[in-house]
PDB file of N, CA and C in Angstrom:
ATOM      1  N   MET A   1    -168.279-113.703-230.003  1.00  0.00           N
ATOM      2  CA  MET A   1    -167.199-113.335-228.737  1.00  0.00           C
ATOM      3  C   MET A   1    -168.234-112.801-227.302  1.00  0.00           C
ATOM      4  N   LYS A   2    -168.777-111.820-227.817  1.00  0.00           N
ATOM      5  CA  LYS A   2    -169.847-110.974-226.956  1.00  0.00           C
ATOM      6  C   LYS A   2    -170.719-112.292-226.477  1.00  0.00           C
ATOM      7  N   LYS A   3    -171.529-113.447-227.109  1.00  0.00           N
ATOM      8  CA  LYS A   3    -172.116-114.034-227.353  1.00  0.00           C
ATOM      9  C   LYS A   3    -172.032-115.183-225.964  1.00  0.00           C
ATOM     10  N   ASN A   4    -170.397-115.483-226.174  1.00  0.00           N
ATOM     11  CA  ASN A   4    -169.915-115.908-225.428  1.00  0.00           C
ATOM     12  C   ASN A   4    -169.579-116.318-223.681  1.00  0.00           C
ATOM     13  N   ILE A   5    -169.113-115.148-224.074  1.00  0.00           N
ATOM     14  CA  ILE A   5    -169.140-114.254-222.439  1.00  0.00           C
ATOM     15  C   ILE A   5    -170.010-114.275-222.028  1.00  0.00           C
ATOM     16  N   ILE A   6    -171.172-113.529-222.416  1.00  0.00           N
ATOM     17  CA  ILE A   6    -173.077-113.767-221.773  1.00  0.00           C
ATOM     18  C   ILE A   6    -173.242-115.460-221.687  1.00  0.00           C
ATOM     19  N   ILE A   7    -173.158-116.130-222.120  1.00  0.00           N
ATOM     20  CA  ILE A   7    -173.327-117.672-222.199  1.00  0.00           C
ATOM     21  C   ILE A   7    -172.856-118.325-220.704  1.00  0.00           C
ATOM     22  N   THR A   8    -171.552-118.013-220.756  1.00  0.00           N
ATOM     23  CA  THR A   8    -170.896-118.277-219.934  1.00  0.00           C
ATOM     24  C   THR A   8    -170.967-117.912-218.357  1.00  0.00           C
ATOM     25  N   LEU A   9    -171.154-116.140-218.167  1.00  0.00           N
ATOM     26  CA  LEU A   9    -171.554-115.749-217.142  1.00  0.00           C
ATOM     27  C   LEU A   9    -173.001-115.870-216.590  1.00  0.00           C
ATOM     28  N   SER A  10    -173.706-116.336-217.306  1.00  0.00           N
ATOM     29  CA  SER A  10    -175.001-117.042-217.305  1.00  0.00           C
ATOM     30  C   SER A  10    -174.816-118.840-216.307  1.00  0.00           C
ATOM     31  N   ILE A  11    -174.862-119.185-216.890  1.00  0.00           N
ATOM     32  CA  ILE A  11    -174.100-120.609-216.569  1.00  0.00           C
ATOM     33  C   ILE A  11    -173.185-120.098-214.878  1.00  0.00           C
ATOM     34  N   MET A  12    -172.824-119.831-215.294  1.00  0.00           N
ATOM     35  CA  MET A  12    -171.777-119.223-213.628  1.00  0.00           C
ATOM     36  C   MET A  12    -172.848-118.838-213.172  1.00  0.00           C
ATOM     37  N   PHE A  13    -173.719-118.056-212.760  1.00  0.00           N
ATOM     38  CA  PHE A  13    -174.827-117.445-212.450  1.00  0.00           C
ATOM     39  C   PHE A  13    -175.686-118.360-211.820  1.00  0.00           C
ATOM     40  N   LEU A  14    -175.865-119.691-212.751  1.00  0.00           N
ATOM     41  CA  LEU A  14    -177.264-120.604-212.694  1.00  0.00           C
ATOM     42  C   LEU A  14    -176.656-121.474-211.494  1.00  0.00           C
ATOM     43  N   ILE A  15    -175.115-121.462-211.927  1.00  0.00           N
ATOM     44  CA  ILE A  15    -174.439-122.683-210.821  1.00  0.00           C
ATOM     45  C   ILE A  15    -174.828-121.971-209.396  1.00  0.00           C
ATOM     46  N   LEU A  16    -174.095-121.202-209.282  1.00  0.00           N
ATOM     47  CA  LEU A  16    -173.784-120.542-208.211  1.00  0.00           C
ATOM     48  C   LEU A  16    -174.903-120.447-207.529  1.00  0.00           C
ATOM     49  N   SER A  17    -176.142-120.138-208.047  1.00  0.00           N
ATOM     50  CA  SER A  17    -177.830-120.061-207.251  1.00  0.00           C
ATOM     51  C   SER A  17    -178.282-121.003-206.402  1.00  0.00           C
ATOM     52  N   SER A  18    -177.867-122.207-207.802  1.00  0.00           N
ATOM     53  CA  SER A  18    -178.292-123.385-207.403  1.00  0.00           C
ATOM     54  C   SER A  18    -177.666-123.946-206.226  1.00  0.00           C
ATOM     55  N   LEU A  19    -176.134-123.290-205.659  1.00  0.00           N
ATOM     56  CA  LEU A  19    -175.409-124.142-204.962  1.00  0.00           C
ATOM     57  C   LEU A  19    -176.123-122.805-203.404  1.00  0.00           C
ATOM     58  N   GLU A  20    -176.448-122.277-203.268  1.00  0.00           N
ATOM     59  CA  GLU A  20    -177.599-121.784-202.322  1.00  0.00           C
ATOM     60  C   GLU A  20    -178.465-122.897-201.920  1.00  0.00           C
ATOM     61  N   PHE A  21    -179.006-123.673-202.302  1.00  0.00           N
ATOM     62  CA  PHE A  21    -180.103-123.839-201.851  1.00  0.00           C
ATOM     63  C   PHE A  21    -179.742-125.634-201.531  1.00  0.00           C
ATOM     64  N   THR A  22    -178.699-126.005-201.516  1.00  0.00           N
ATOM     65  CA  THR A  22    -177.807-127.135-200.628  1.00  0.00           C
ATOM     66  C   THR A  22    -178.033-126.633-199.269  1.00  0.00           C
ATOM     67  N   ASP A  23    -177.760-128.043-198.578  1.00  0.00           N
ATOM     68  CA  ASP A  23    -178.057-128.350-197.200  1.00  0.00           C
ATOM     69  C   ASP A  23    -176.381-127.895-197.015  1.00  0.00           C
ATOM     70  N   LYS A  24    -175.301-127.379-196.959  1.00  0.00           N
ATOM     71  CA  LYS A  24    -174.329-127.828-196.412  1.00  0.00           C
ATOM     72  C   LYS A  24    -173.958-126.528-196.711  1.00  0.00           C
ATOM     73  N   PHE A  25    -174.014-125.775-197.998  1.00  0.00           N
ATOM     74  CA  PHE A  25    -173.056-124.495-198.674  1.00  0.00           C
ATOM     75  C   PHE A  25    -173.908-123.018-197.767  1.00  0.00           C
ATOM     76  N   ASN A  26    -172.829-122.575-197.183  1.00  0.00           N
ATOM     77  CA  ASN A  26    -172.190-121.843-196.130  1.00  0.00           C
ATOM     78  C   ASN A  26    -172.451-120.017-197.679  1.00  0.00           C
ATOM     79  N   TYR A  27    -173.168-119.613-197.784  1.00  0.00           N
ATOM     80  CA  TYR A  27    -172.673-117.670-198.641  1.00  0.00           C
ATOM     81  C   TYR A  27    -171.456-117.242-197.897  1.00  0.00           C
ATOM     82  N   ARG A  28    -171.917-117.737-196.609  1.00  0.00           N
ATOM     83  CA  ARG A  28    -170.944-116.193-196.118  1.00  0.00           C
ATOM     84  C   ARG A  28    -169.324-116.720-196.679  1.00  0.00           C
ATOM     85  N   LEU A  29    -169.575-117.886-196.407  1.00  0.00           N
ATOM     86  CA  LEU A  29    -167.980-118.395-197.184  1.00  0.00           C
ATOM     87  C   LEU A  29    -167.278-118.027-198.126  1.00  0.00           C
ATOM     88  N   LEU A  30    -168.847-118.391-199.149  1.00  0.00           N
ATOM     89  CA  LEU A  30    -168.204-118.178-200.472  1.00  0.00           C
ATOM     90  C   LEU A  30    -167.670-116.280-200.500  1.00  0.00           C
ATOM     91  N   THR A  31    -168.246-115.225-200.152  1.00  0.00           N
ATOM     92  CA  THR A  31    -168.085-114.357-200.052  1.00  0.00           C
ATOM     93  C   THR A  31    -167.096-113.647-199.309  1.00  0.00           C
ATOM     94  N   GLU A  32    -166.524-113.968-198.200  1.00  0.00           N
ATOM     95  CA  GLU A  32    -165.359-114.140-197.151  1.00  0.00           C
ATOM     96  C   GLU A  32    -164.215-114.634-198.335  1.00  0.00           C
ATOM     97  N   ALA A  33    -164.281-115.514-199.180  1.00  0.00           N
ATOM     98  CA  ALA A  33    -163.287-116.532-199.031  1.00  0.00           C
ATOM     99  C   ALA A  33    -161.741-115.763-199.413  1.00  0.00           C
ATOM    100  N   PHE A  34    -161.332-114.258-199.501  1.00  0.00           N
ATOM    101  CA  PHE A  34    -159.780-114.253-199.470  1.00  0.00           C
ATOM    102  C   PHE A  34    -159.395-113.417-198.358  1.00  0.00           C
ATOM    103  N   ARG A  35    -160.702-112.954-197.405  1.00  0.00           N
ATOM    104  CA  ARG A  35    -159.896-112.850-196.354  1.00  0.00           C
ATOM    105  C   ARG A  35    -159.453-113.345-195.373  1.00  0.00           C
ATOM    106  N   GLU A  36    -158.282-113.187-194.312  1.00  0.00           N
ATOM    107  CA  GLU A  36    -157.267-113.258-193.346  1.00  0.00           C
ATOM    108  C   GLU A  36    -158.060-114.447-192.705  1.00  0.00           C
ATOM    109  N   ASN A  37    -158.237-115.745-192.440  1.00  0.00           N
ATOM    110  CA  ASN A  37    -158.509-116.044-191.739  1.00  0.00           C
ATOM    111  C   ASN A  37    -160.009-117.147-192.150  1.00  0.00           C
ATOM    112  N   SER A  38    -160.539-116.826-193.188  1.00  0.00           N
ATOM    113  CA  SER A  38    -161.966-117.409-193.050  1.00  0.00           C
ATOM    114  C   SER A  38    -161.736-118.381-193.166  1.00  0.00           C
ATOM    115  N   GLY A  39    -163.261-118.531-192.788  1.00  0.00           N
ATOM    116  CA  GLY A  39    -163.568-120.102-192.876  1.00  0.00           C
ATOM    117  C   GLY A  39    -162.715-121.071-191.566  1.00  0.00           C
ATOM    118  N   ALA A  40    -161.909-120.722-190.909  1.00  0.00           N
ATOM    119  CA  ALA A  40    -160.792-121.833-189.939  1.00  0.00           C
ATOM    120  C   ALA A  40    -161.566-121.893-189.441  1.00  0.00           C
ATOM    121  N   ALA A  41    -162.606-121.289-188.814  1.00  0.00           N
ATOM    122  CA  ALA A  41    -163.919-122.542-187.437  1.00  0.00           C
ATOM    123  C   ALA A  41    -164.798-122.840-188.545  1.00  0.00           C
ATOM    124  N   GLU A  42    -164.918-123.161-189.206  1.00  0.00           N
ATOM    125  CA  GLU A  42    -165.255-124.511-190.306  1.00  0.00           C
ATOM    126  C   GLU A  42    -164.374-125.239-190.289  1.00  0.00           C
ATOM    127  N   SER A  43    -163.359-125.409-190.604  1.00  0.00           N
ATOM    128  CA  SER A  43    -162.539-126.172-191.030  1.00  0.00           C
ATOM    129  C   SER A  43    -161.295-126.498-189.961  1.00  0.00           C
ATOM    130  N   LEU A  44    -160.880-125.882-189.232  1.00  0.00           N
ATOM    131  CA  LEU A  44    -159.828-126.562-188.482  1.00  0.00           C
ATOM    132  C   LEU A  44    -160.712-127.061-187.453  1.00  0.00           C
ATOM    133  N   PRO A  45    -159.681-128.097-186.597  1.00  0.00           N
ATOM    134  CA  PRO A  45    -160.012-128.607-184.839  1.00  0.00           C
ATOM    135  C   PRO A  45    -160.068-127.071-184.105  1.00  0.00           C
ATOM    136  N   ALA A  46    -160.536-127.120-183.153  1.00  0.00           N
ATOM    137  CA  ALA A  46    -160.768-125.771-181.967  1.00  0.00           C
ATOM    138  C   ALA A  46    -159.600-125.611-181.169  1.00  0.00           C
ATOM    139  N   GLU A  47    -158.492-126.659-181.159  1.00  0.00           N
ATOM    140  CA  GLU A  47    -157.372-126.281-180.795  1.00  0.00           C
ATOM    141  C   GLU A  47    -156.286-125.787-181.802  1.00  0.00           C
ATOM    142  N   ILE A  48    -156.365-125.510-183.001  1.00  0.00           N
ATOM    143  CA  ILE A  48    -155.266-125.553-183.496  1.00  0.00           C
ATOM    144  C   ILE A  48    -155.849-123.686-183.403  1.00  0.00           C
ATOM    145  N   ILE A  49    -156.834-123.339-183.688  1.00  0.00           N
ATOM    146  CA  ILE A  49    -157.652-122.071-183.156  1.00  0.00           C
ATOM    147  C   ILE A  49    -156.819-121.487-182.352  1.00  0.00           C
ATOM    148  N   SER A  50    -156.782-121.792-181.572  1.00  0.00           N
ATOM    149  CA  SER A  50    -156.194-121.583-179.934  1.00  0.00           C
ATOM    150  C   SER A  50    -155.105-121.171-180.136  1.00  0.00           C
ATOM    151  N   LEU A  51    -154.792-122.177-180.692  1.00  0.00           N
ATOM    152  CA  LEU A  51    -153.159-122.386-180.621  1.00  0.00           C
ATOM    153  C   LEU A  51    -152.323-121.492-181.067  1.00  0.00           C
ATOM    154  N   ASN A  52    -153.015-121.527-182.456  1.00  0.00           N
ATOM    155  CA  ASN A  52    -152.638-119.794-183.316  1.00  0.00           C
ATOM    156  C   ASN A  52    -152.771-118.434-182.619  1.00  0.00           C
ATOM    157  N   ALA A  53    -153.699-118.880-182.077  1.00  0.00           N
ATOM    158  CA  ALA A  53    -154.922-117.645-181.383  1.00  0.00           C
ATOM    159  C   ALA A  53    -153.189-117.392-179.707  1.00  0.00           C
ATOM    160  N   LEU A  54    -152.485-118.320-179.102  1.00  0.00           N
ATOM    161  CA  LEU A  54    -152.089-117.864-178.279  1.00  0.00           C
ATOM    162  C   LEU A  54    -150.498-116.961-179.098  1.00  0.00           C
ATOM    163  N   ILE A  55    -149.860-118.480-180.061  1.00  0.00           N
ATOM    164  CA  ILE A  55    -148.840-117.925-180.395  1.00  0.00           C
ATOM    165  C   ILE A  55    -148.756-116.683-181.131  1.00  0.00           C
ATOM    166  N   THR A  56    -149.905-116.207-182.093  1.00  0.00           N
ATOM    167  CA  THR A  56    -150.068-114.904-182.038  1.00  0.00           C
ATOM    168  C   THR A  56    -149.564-114.013-181.692  1.00  0.00           C
ATOM    169  N   LYS A  57    -150.461-113.994-179.687  1.00  0.00           N
ATOM    170  CA  LYS A  57    -150.395-112.988-178.934  1.00  0.00           C
ATOM    171  C   LYS A  57    -149.058-113.088-178.677  1.00  0.00           C
ATOM    172  N   GLU A  58    -148.352-114.475-178.086  1.00  0.00           N
ATOM    173  CA  GLU A  58    -146.867-114.096-177.489  1.00  0.00           C
ATOM    174  C   GLU A  58    -146.288-113.615-178.784  1.00  0.00           C
ATOM    175  N   LYS A  59    -146.841-113.594-179.837  1.00  0.00           N
ATOM    176  CA  LYS A  59    -145.699-112.608-181.323  1.00  0.00           C
ATOM    177  C   LYS A  59    -144.782-113.925-181.143  1.00  0.00           C
ATOM    178  N   LEU A  60    -144.534-115.393-181.373  1.00  0.00           N
ATOM    179  CA  LEU A  60    -143.807-116.732-180.919  1.00  0.00           C
ATOM    180  C   LEU A  60    -143.216-116.696-182.721  1.00  0.00           C
ATOM    181  N   GLN A  61    -141.826-116.866-183.186  1.00  0.00           N
ATOM    182  CA  GLN A  61    -141.554-117.228-183.989  1.00  0.00           C
ATOM    183  C   GLN A  61    -141.249-118.508-183.854  1.00  0.00           C
ATOM    184  N   LYS A  62    -140.601-119.241-183.060  1.00  0.00           N
ATOM    185  CA  LYS A  62    -140.806-120.839-182.901  1.00  0.00           C
ATOM    186  C   LYS A  62    -141.334-121.612-181.765  1.00  0.00           C
ATOM    187  N   PHE A  63    -142.033-122.359-182.100  1.00  0.00           N
ATOM    188  CA  PHE A  63    -142.531-123.552-180.633  1.00  0.00           C
ATOM    189  C   PHE A  63    -142.149-124.862-180.607  1.00  0.00           C
ATOM    190  N   ASN A  64    -142.698-125.302-179.685  1.00  0.00           N
ATOM    191  CA  ASN A  64    -142.890-127.325-179.938  1.00  0.00           C
ATOM    192  C   ASN A  64    -143.873-127.746-179.304  1.00  0.00           C
ATOM    193  N   LEU A  65    -144.517-128.451-179.873  1.00  0.00           N
ATOM    194  CA  LEU A  65    -145.901-129.343-179.507  1.00  0.00           C
ATOM    195  C   LEU A  65    -145.197-130.147-179.331  1.00  0.00           C
ATOM    196  N   ALA A  66    -146.505-131.014-178.048  1.00  0.00           N
ATOM    197  CA  ALA A  66    -146.263-131.913-177.238  1.00  0.00           C
ATOM    198  C   ALA A  66    -147.521-132.900-176.894  1.00  0.00           C
ATOM    199  N   GLY A  67    -147.563-133.930-176.690  1.00  0.00           N
ATOM    200  CA  GLY A  67    -148.601-134.861-175.968  1.00  0.00           C
ATOM    201  C   GLY A  67    -149.221-135.213-178.043  1.00  0.00           C
ATOM    202  N   ILE A  68    -150.540-134.605-178.014  1.00  0.00           N
ATOM    203  CA  ILE A  68    -151.551-134.943-178.712  1.00  0.00           C
ATOM    204  C   ILE A  68    -151.321-134.508-180.276  1.00  0.00           C
ATOM    205  N   LEU A  69    -151.027-132.698-179.392  1.00  0.00           N
ATOM    206  CA  LEU A  69    -150.820-131.901-180.957  1.00  0.00           C
ATOM    207  C   LEU A  69    -149.842-132.512-181.441  1.00  0.00           C
ATOM    208  N   ASN A  70    -148.838-132.728-181.002  1.00  0.00           N
ATOM    209  CA  ASN A  70    -147.649-133.681-181.807  1.00  0.00           C
ATOM    210  C   ASN A  70    -147.377-135.177-182.175  1.00  0.00           C
ATOM    211  N   GLU A  71    -148.880-135.616-181.634  1.00  0.00           N
ATOM    212  CA  GLU A  71    -149.055-137.486-182.404  1.00  0.00           C
ATOM    213  C   GLU A  71    -149.395-137.713-183.029  1.00  0.00           C
ATOM    214  N   ASP A  72    -151.113-136.924-182.963  1.00  0.00           N
ATOM    215  CA  ASP A  72    -151.478-136.427-183.820  1.00  0.00           C
ATOM    216  C   ASP A  72    -151.905-136.208-185.416  1.00  0.00           C
ATOM    217  N   ALA A  73    -151.460-137.002-186.378  1.00  0.00           N
ATOM    218  CA  ALA A  73    -151.175-136.652-187.566  1.00  0.00           C
ATOM    219  C   ALA A  73    -151.976-135.182-187.980  1.00  0.00           C
ATOM    220  N   LEU A  74    -153.201-135.105-187.674  1.00  0.00           N
ATOM    221  CA  LEU A  74    -153.911-133.849-188.175  1.00  0.00           C
ATOM    222  C   LEU A  74    -153.442-132.787-188.053  1.00  0.00           C
ATOM    223  N   PHE A  75    -153.364-133.510-186.072  1.00  0.00           N
ATOM    224  CA  PHE A  75    -153.233-131.522-185.330  1.00  0.00           C
ATOM    225  C   PHE A  75    -151.722-131.416-185.553  1.00  0.00           C
ATOM    226  N   HIS A  76    -150.855-132.112-186.260  1.00  0.00           N
ATOM    227  CA  HIS A  76    -149.441-131.402-186.055  1.00  0.00           C
ATOM    228  C   HIS A  76    -149.677-130.728-187.586  1.00  0.00           C
ATOM    229  N   GLN A  77    -150.356-131.670-188.615  1.00  0.00           N
ATOM    230  CA  GLN A  77    -150.085-130.950-189.764  1.00  0.00           C
ATOM    231  C   GLN A  77    -150.886-129.853-190.361  1.00  0.00           C
ATOM    232  N   ARG A  78    -151.978-129.580-189.382  1.00  0.00           N
ATOM    233  CA  ARG A  78    -152.857-128.518-189.474  1.00  0.00           C
ATOM    234  C   ARG A  78    -151.655-127.520-188.165  1.00  0.00           C
ATOM    235  N   ALA A  79    -151.260-127.511-187.287  1.00  0.00           N
ATOM    236  CA  ALA A  79    -150.811-126.927-186.188  1.00  0.00           C
ATOM    237  C   ALA A  79    -149.833-125.695-187.471  1.00  0.00           C
ATOM    238  N   VAL A  80    -148.602-126.695-187.866  1.00  0.00           N
ATOM    239  CA  VAL A  80    -147.753-126.471-188.552  1.00  0.00           C
ATOM    240  C   VAL A  80    -148.182-125.548-190.162  1.00  0.00           C
ATOM    241  N   GLU A  81    -149.709-125.762-190.443  1.00  0.00           N
ATOM    242  CA  GLU A  81    -150.083-124.670-191.420  1.00  0.00           C
ATOM    243  C   GLU A  81    -150.168-123.389-191.190  1.00  0.00           C
ATOM    244  N   TYR A  82    -151.268-123.921-190.233  1.00  0.00           N
ATOM    245  CA  TYR A  82    -151.774-122.492-189.852  1.00  0.00           C
ATOM    246  C   TYR A  82    -151.073-121.751-188.956  1.00  0.00           C
ATOM    247  N   THR A  83    -150.363-121.713-188.559  1.00  0.00           N
ATOM    248  CA  THR A  83    -149.412-120.682-187.421  1.00  0.00           C
ATOM    249  C   THR A  83    -148.358-120.612-188.327  1.00  0.00           C
ATOM    250  N   TYR A  84    -148.871-120.573-189.678  1.00  0.00           N
ATOM    251  CA  TYR A  84    -146.983-119.897-190.582  1.00  0.00           C
ATOM    252  C   TYR A  84    -147.582-118.557-190.041  1.00  0.00           C
ATOM    253  N   PRO A  85    -146.621-117.610-190.371  1.00  0.00           N
ATOM    254  CA  PRO A  85    -145.124-117.482-190.295  1.00  0.00           C
ATOM    255  C   PRO A  85    -144.312-117.933-188.801  1.00  0.00           C
ATOM    256  N   ALA A  86    -144.871-118.286-188.180  1.00  0.00           N
ATOM    257  CA  ALA A  86    -144.148-119.096-187.344  1.00  0.00           C
ATOM    258  C   ALA A  86    -143.990-120.547-187.591  1.00  0.00           C
ATOM    259  N   ARG A  87    -142.787-120.518-187.109  1.00  0.00           N
ATOM    260  CA  ARG A  87    -141.979-122.243-187.646  1.00  0.00           C
ATOM    261  C   ARG A  87    -142.052-123.122-185.815  1.00  0.00           C
ATOM    262  N   LEU A  88    -142.117-124.941-186.457  1.00  0.00           N
ATOM    263  CA  LEU A  88    -142.057-125.611-185.318  1.00  0.00           C
ATOM    264  C   LEU A  88    -140.405-125.753-185.377  1.00  0.00           C
ATOM    265  N   ASP A  89    -140.188-125.771-184.060  1.00  0.00           N
ATOM    266  CA  ASP A  89    -139.322-125.825-183.760  1.00  0.00           C
ATOM    267  C   ASP A  89    -138.720-126.940-182.549  1.00  0.00           C
ATOM    268  N   LEU A  90    -138.363-128.016-183.433  1.00  0.00           N
ATOM    269  CA  LEU A  90    -138.253-129.436-181.624  1.00  0.00           C
ATOM    270  C   LEU A  90    -137.108-128.687-180.741  1.00  0.00           C
ATOM    271  N   ASN A  91    -136.699-127.881-180.739  1.00  0.00           N
ATOM    272  CA  ASN A  91    -135.382-127.387-180.047  1.00  0.00           C
ATOM    273  C   ASN A  91    -136.594-126.216-179.281  1.00  0.00           C
ATOM    274  N   ALA A  92    -137.892-125.028-179.488  1.00  0.00           N
ATOM    275  CA  ALA A  92    -137.710-124.095-178.865  1.00  0.00           C
ATOM    276  C   ALA A  92    -138.536-124.352-177.706  1.00  0.00           C
ATOM    277  N   LYS A  93    -138.333-123.434-176.841  1.00  0.00           N
ATOM    278  CA  LYS A  93    -138.338-123.973-175.146  1.00  0.00           C
ATOM    279  C   LYS A  93    -140.626-123.555-175.292  1.00  0.00           C
ATOM    280  N   ASP A  94    -140.682-122.766-176.009  1.00  0.00           N
ATOM    281  CA  ASP A  94    -142.601-122.133-176.090  1.00  0.00           C
ATOM    282  C   ASP A  94    -142.667-123.682-176.424  1.00  0.00           C
ATOM    283  N   THR A  95    -143.496-124.520-175.645  1.00  0.00           N
ATOM    284  CA  THR A  95    -144.177-125.703-175.674  1.00  0.00           C
ATOM    285  C   THR A  95    -145.765-125.799-175.445  1.00  0.00           C
ATOM    286  N   PHE A  96    -146.854-126.264-176.049  1.00  0.00           N
ATOM    287  CA  PHE A  96    -148.162-126.092-176.571  1.00  0.00           C
ATOM    288  C   PHE A  96    -148.719-127.812-176.077  1.00  0.00           C
ATOM    289  N   VAL A  97    -149.704-127.870-175.321  1.00  0.00           N
ATOM    290  CA  VAL A  97    -149.652-128.937-175.075  1.00  0.00           C
ATOM    291  C   VAL A  97    -151.365-128.765-175.016  1.00  0.00           C
ATOM    292  N   ILE A  98    -151.900-129.496-174.970  1.00  0.00           N
ATOM    293  CA  ILE A  98    -153.617-129.678-174.793  1.00  0.00           C
ATOM    294  C   ILE A  98    -153.830-129.901-173.420  1.00  0.00           C
ATOM    295  N   LYS A  99    -154.705-129.505-172.831  1.00  0.00           N
ATOM    296  CA  LYS A  99    -154.899-129.110-171.247  1.00  0.00           C
ATOM    297  C   LYS A  99    -154.984-130.655-170.613  1.00  0.00           C
ATOM    298  N   GLY A 100    -154.607-130.845-169.536  1.00  0.00           N
ATOM    299  CA  GLY A 100    -154.424-132.470-168.901  1.00  0.00           C
ATOM    300  C   GLY A 100    -153.263-133.469-169.405  1.00  0.00           C
ATOM    301  N   THR A 101    -152.538-132.782-170.460  1.00  0.00           N
ATOM    302  CA  THR A 101    -151.183-133.117-171.040  1.00  0.00           C
ATOM    303  C   THR A 101    -150.430-133.245-169.682  1.00  0.00           C
ATOM    304  N   PRO A 102    -149.762-134.627-169.185  1.00  0.00           N
ATOM    305  CA  PRO A 102    -148.143-133.981-168.017  1.00  0.00           C
ATOM    306  C   PRO A 102    -147.300-133.379-169.190  1.00  0.00           C
ATOM    307  N   VAL A 103    -146.380-132.501-168.631  1.00  0.00           N
ATOM    308  CA  VAL A 103    -145.367-132.127-168.983  1.00  0.00           C
ATOM    309  C   VAL A 103    -144.057-132.294-167.671  1.00  0.00           C
ATOM    310  N   ASP A 104    -143.256-131.793-168.999  1.00  0.00           N
ATOM    311  CA  ASP A 104    -142.119-131.892-167.781  1.00  0.00           C
ATOM    312  C   ASP A 104    -141.841-130.720-166.040  1.00  0.00           C
ATOM    313  N   ASN A 105    -141.055-131.594-165.319  1.00  0.00           N
ATOM    314  CA  ASN A 105    -141.326-130.910-164.165  1.00  0.00           C
ATOM    315  C   ASN A 105    -140.386-129.031-164.236  1.00  0.00           C
ATOM    316  N   GLY A 106    -139.844-128.867-165.513  1.00  0.00           N
ATOM    317  CA  GLY A 106    -138.894-127.662-165.601  1.00  0.00           C
ATOM    318  C   GLY A 106    -139.738-126.755-166.304  1.00  0.00           C
ATOM    319  N   CYS A 107    -140.924-127.173-166.764  1.00  0.00           N
ATOM    320  CA  CYS A 107    -142.436-126.318-168.114  1.00  0.00           C
ATOM    321  C   CYS A 107    -142.610-125.225-166.425  1.00  0.00           C
ATOM    322  N   LYS A 108    -143.200-124.546-167.294  1.00  0.00           N
ATOM    323  CA  LYS A 108    -143.752-123.173-166.348  1.00  0.00           C
ATOM    324  C   LYS A 108    -144.701-122.669-166.978  1.00  0.00           C
ATOM    325  N   LEU A 109    -146.249-123.573-166.605  1.00  0.00           N
ATOM    326  CA  LEU A 109    -147.228-122.345-167.741  1.00  0.00           C
ATOM    327  C   LEU A 109    -147.805-120.917-167.806  1.00  0.00           C
ATOM    328  N   ILE A 110    -147.172-120.588-168.698  1.00  0.00           N
ATOM    329  CA  ILE A 110    -147.404-119.331-168.805  1.00  0.00           C
ATOM    330  C   ILE A 110    -148.548-118.800-169.323  1.00  0.00           C
ATOM    331  N   ASN A 111    -149.102-119.432-170.062  1.00  0.00           N
ATOM    332  CA  ASN A 111    -151.434-119.093-170.610  1.00  0.00           C
ATOM    333  C   ASN A 111    -152.038-119.580-171.341  1.00  0.00           C
ATOM    334  N   HIS A 112    -152.665-119.628-171.308  1.00  0.00           N
ATOM    335  CA  HIS A 112    -153.311-120.613-172.011  1.00  0.00           C
ATOM    336  C   HIS A 112    -155.206-120.353-172.705  1.00  0.00           C
ATOM    337  N   GLN A 113    -155.804-120.653-173.565  1.00  0.00           N
ATOM    338  CA  GLN A 113    -156.723-120.659-173.886  1.00  0.00           C
ATOM    339  C   GLN A 113    -157.417-121.613-174.324  1.00  0.00           C
ATOM    340  N   ASP A 114    -158.565-121.573-173.799  1.00  0.00           N
ATOM    341  CA  ASP A 114    -159.884-122.981-174.073  1.00  0.00           C
ATOM    342  C   ASP A 114    -158.849-124.040-173.877  1.00  0.00           C
ATOM    343  N   ASN A 115    -158.172-125.269-174.360  1.00  0.00           N
ATOM    344  CA  ASN A 115    -158.081-126.242-174.266  1.00  0.00           C
ATOM    345  C   ASN A 115    -156.538-126.475-174.497  1.00  0.00           C
ATOM    346  N   VAL A 116    -155.842-125.433-174.679  1.00  0.00           N
ATOM    347  CA  VAL A 116    -154.733-125.377-175.219  1.00  0.00           C
ATOM    348  C   VAL A 116    -154.068-124.741-174.096  1.00  0.00           C
ATOM    349  N   GLU A 117    -152.459-125.166-173.471  1.00  0.00           N
ATOM    350  CA  GLU A 117    -151.642-124.530-172.699  1.00  0.00           C
ATOM    351  C   GLU A 117    -150.289-123.765-173.615  1.00  0.00           C
ATOM    352  N   HIS A 118    -149.830-123.100-172.945  1.00  0.00           N
ATOM    353  CA  HIS A 118    -148.682-122.551-173.164  1.00  0.00           C
ATOM    354  C   HIS A 118    -147.408-122.615-172.245  1.00  0.00           C
ATOM    355  N   TYR A 119    -146.349-123.659-172.233  1.00  0.00           N
ATOM    356  CA  TYR A 119    -145.298-123.630-171.012  1.00  0.00           C
ATOM    357  C   TYR A 119    -143.907-123.484-172.254  1.00  0.00           C
ATOM    358  N   VAL A 120    -143.371-122.504-171.038  1.00  0.00           N
ATOM    359  CA  VAL A 120    -141.986-122.558-171.159  1.00  0.00           C
ATOM    360  C   VAL A 120    -140.969-123.417-170.796  1.00  0.00           C
ATOM    361  N   CYS A 121    -140.213-124.288-171.417  1.00  0.00           N
ATOM    362  CA  CYS A 121    -139.595-125.543-170.684  1.00  0.00           C
ATOM    363  C   CYS A 121    -138.036-125.231-170.876  1.00  0.00           C
ATOM    364  N   GLU A 122    -137.403-125.235-169.614  1.00  0.00           N
ATOM    365  CA  GLU A 122    -135.858-124.639-169.695  1.00  0.00           C
ATOM    366  C   GLU A 122    -134.624-125.366-170.072  1.00  0.00           C
ATOM    367  N   GLN A 123    -135.606-127.230-169.304  1.00  0.00           N
ATOM    368  CA  GLN A 123    -134.818-128.232-170.217  1.00  0.00           C
ATOM    369  C   GLN A 123    -135.041-128.464-171.155  1.00  0.00           C
ATOM    370  N   LEU A 124    -134.840-128.925-172.655  1.00  0.00           N
ATOM    371  CA  LEU A 124    -135.544-129.429-173.226  1.00  0.00           C
ATOM    372  C   LEU A 124    -135.655-130.708-173.489  1.00  0.00           C
ATOM    373  N   ARG A 125    -136.243-131.665-173.687  1.00  0.00           N
ATOM    374  CA  ARG A 125    -136.925-133.221-173.940  1.00  0.00           C
ATOM    375  C   ARG A 125    -135.646-133.537-174.635  1.00  0.00           C
TER     376      ARG A 125
END
């Protein structure tokens, strides 16, 4: 039994040490795998990271997306997943768009970060 454990650990060590020599291996991702937001910059679009930062800063529980953030399936899915526990709600007044996206006249710019803008829209679409 002890021999099997030593062999298994040796094989795992060899595999992990050989990964270090590949082009795309990032040792930091492995060591920080269980920390909050670990690997977000490497795996998510910058707009989603900015969206989450704005939602967290404003302590929102519900939000809405407009423009490409809502229309593009990748942005939409990643926004819903990464901003949890905040919930996507089509009736929420807090609306997020990519900079330059036209918004309704009833919307007021509250904040922005990088390429994402936060509006409060009194009249729902």
